[in-house]
Amino acid sequence: MIIVGIDPGTATTGYGVIERCAGSIKFVDCGVIVTAKSLAIPERLLAIYNQINAVLDKYIPDSIATEQLFFSNNVTTAMNVGAAVGVLMLAAAQRGIKLCEYRPVEVKMAVVGYGAAEKKQVQFMVKNLLSLEKAPKPDDAADALAIAICHAHSIRA
């Protein structure tokens, strides 16, 4: 089973691809989609949509997972990230793939075993769980892999 994890954002959207097979998980790919700050939000969303479609077309996932939107004090940022999540949902729905969302605390619990884990702890465990030589970079790609790992553990249970 191929799982794509996505860490949504309008400036940077991370993606991580893993394969779950016979109770184990293995690394396939990861990266980021970066949009220019000079672009208006609609153009940024189009860029995210086009590039995530290229990822989904390349790996043909069985499942897609993303981080659930965390509302902060900046309502504008939250709304824009929410729009990016909507674009991801659209891309998944067009393929008939259910998109699952996980709260940040759930991702940390699944990967580290501690819901208040720090980013470095998550990166360390992603590296170890996927038998990588070093932690994936940038952080958004590592976070997307953590989301994919969380989903792999969730669907196994």
Foldseek 3Di string as FASTA:
>chain_A
DKEKFWEFFLQKIKIFIWDADPNAIAGDDIDIQGDDPVDDLVVSLVSLLVVVLVVCVVPVGQAYEYEDQDDDPPVVRSVSSVVSVVSVCVSCVVVPHDYYYDYQLLLCCQQQVGSPDDLVSLQVSLCVRNVHPHRDDDSNRSVRSSRRSSVVVVVVD
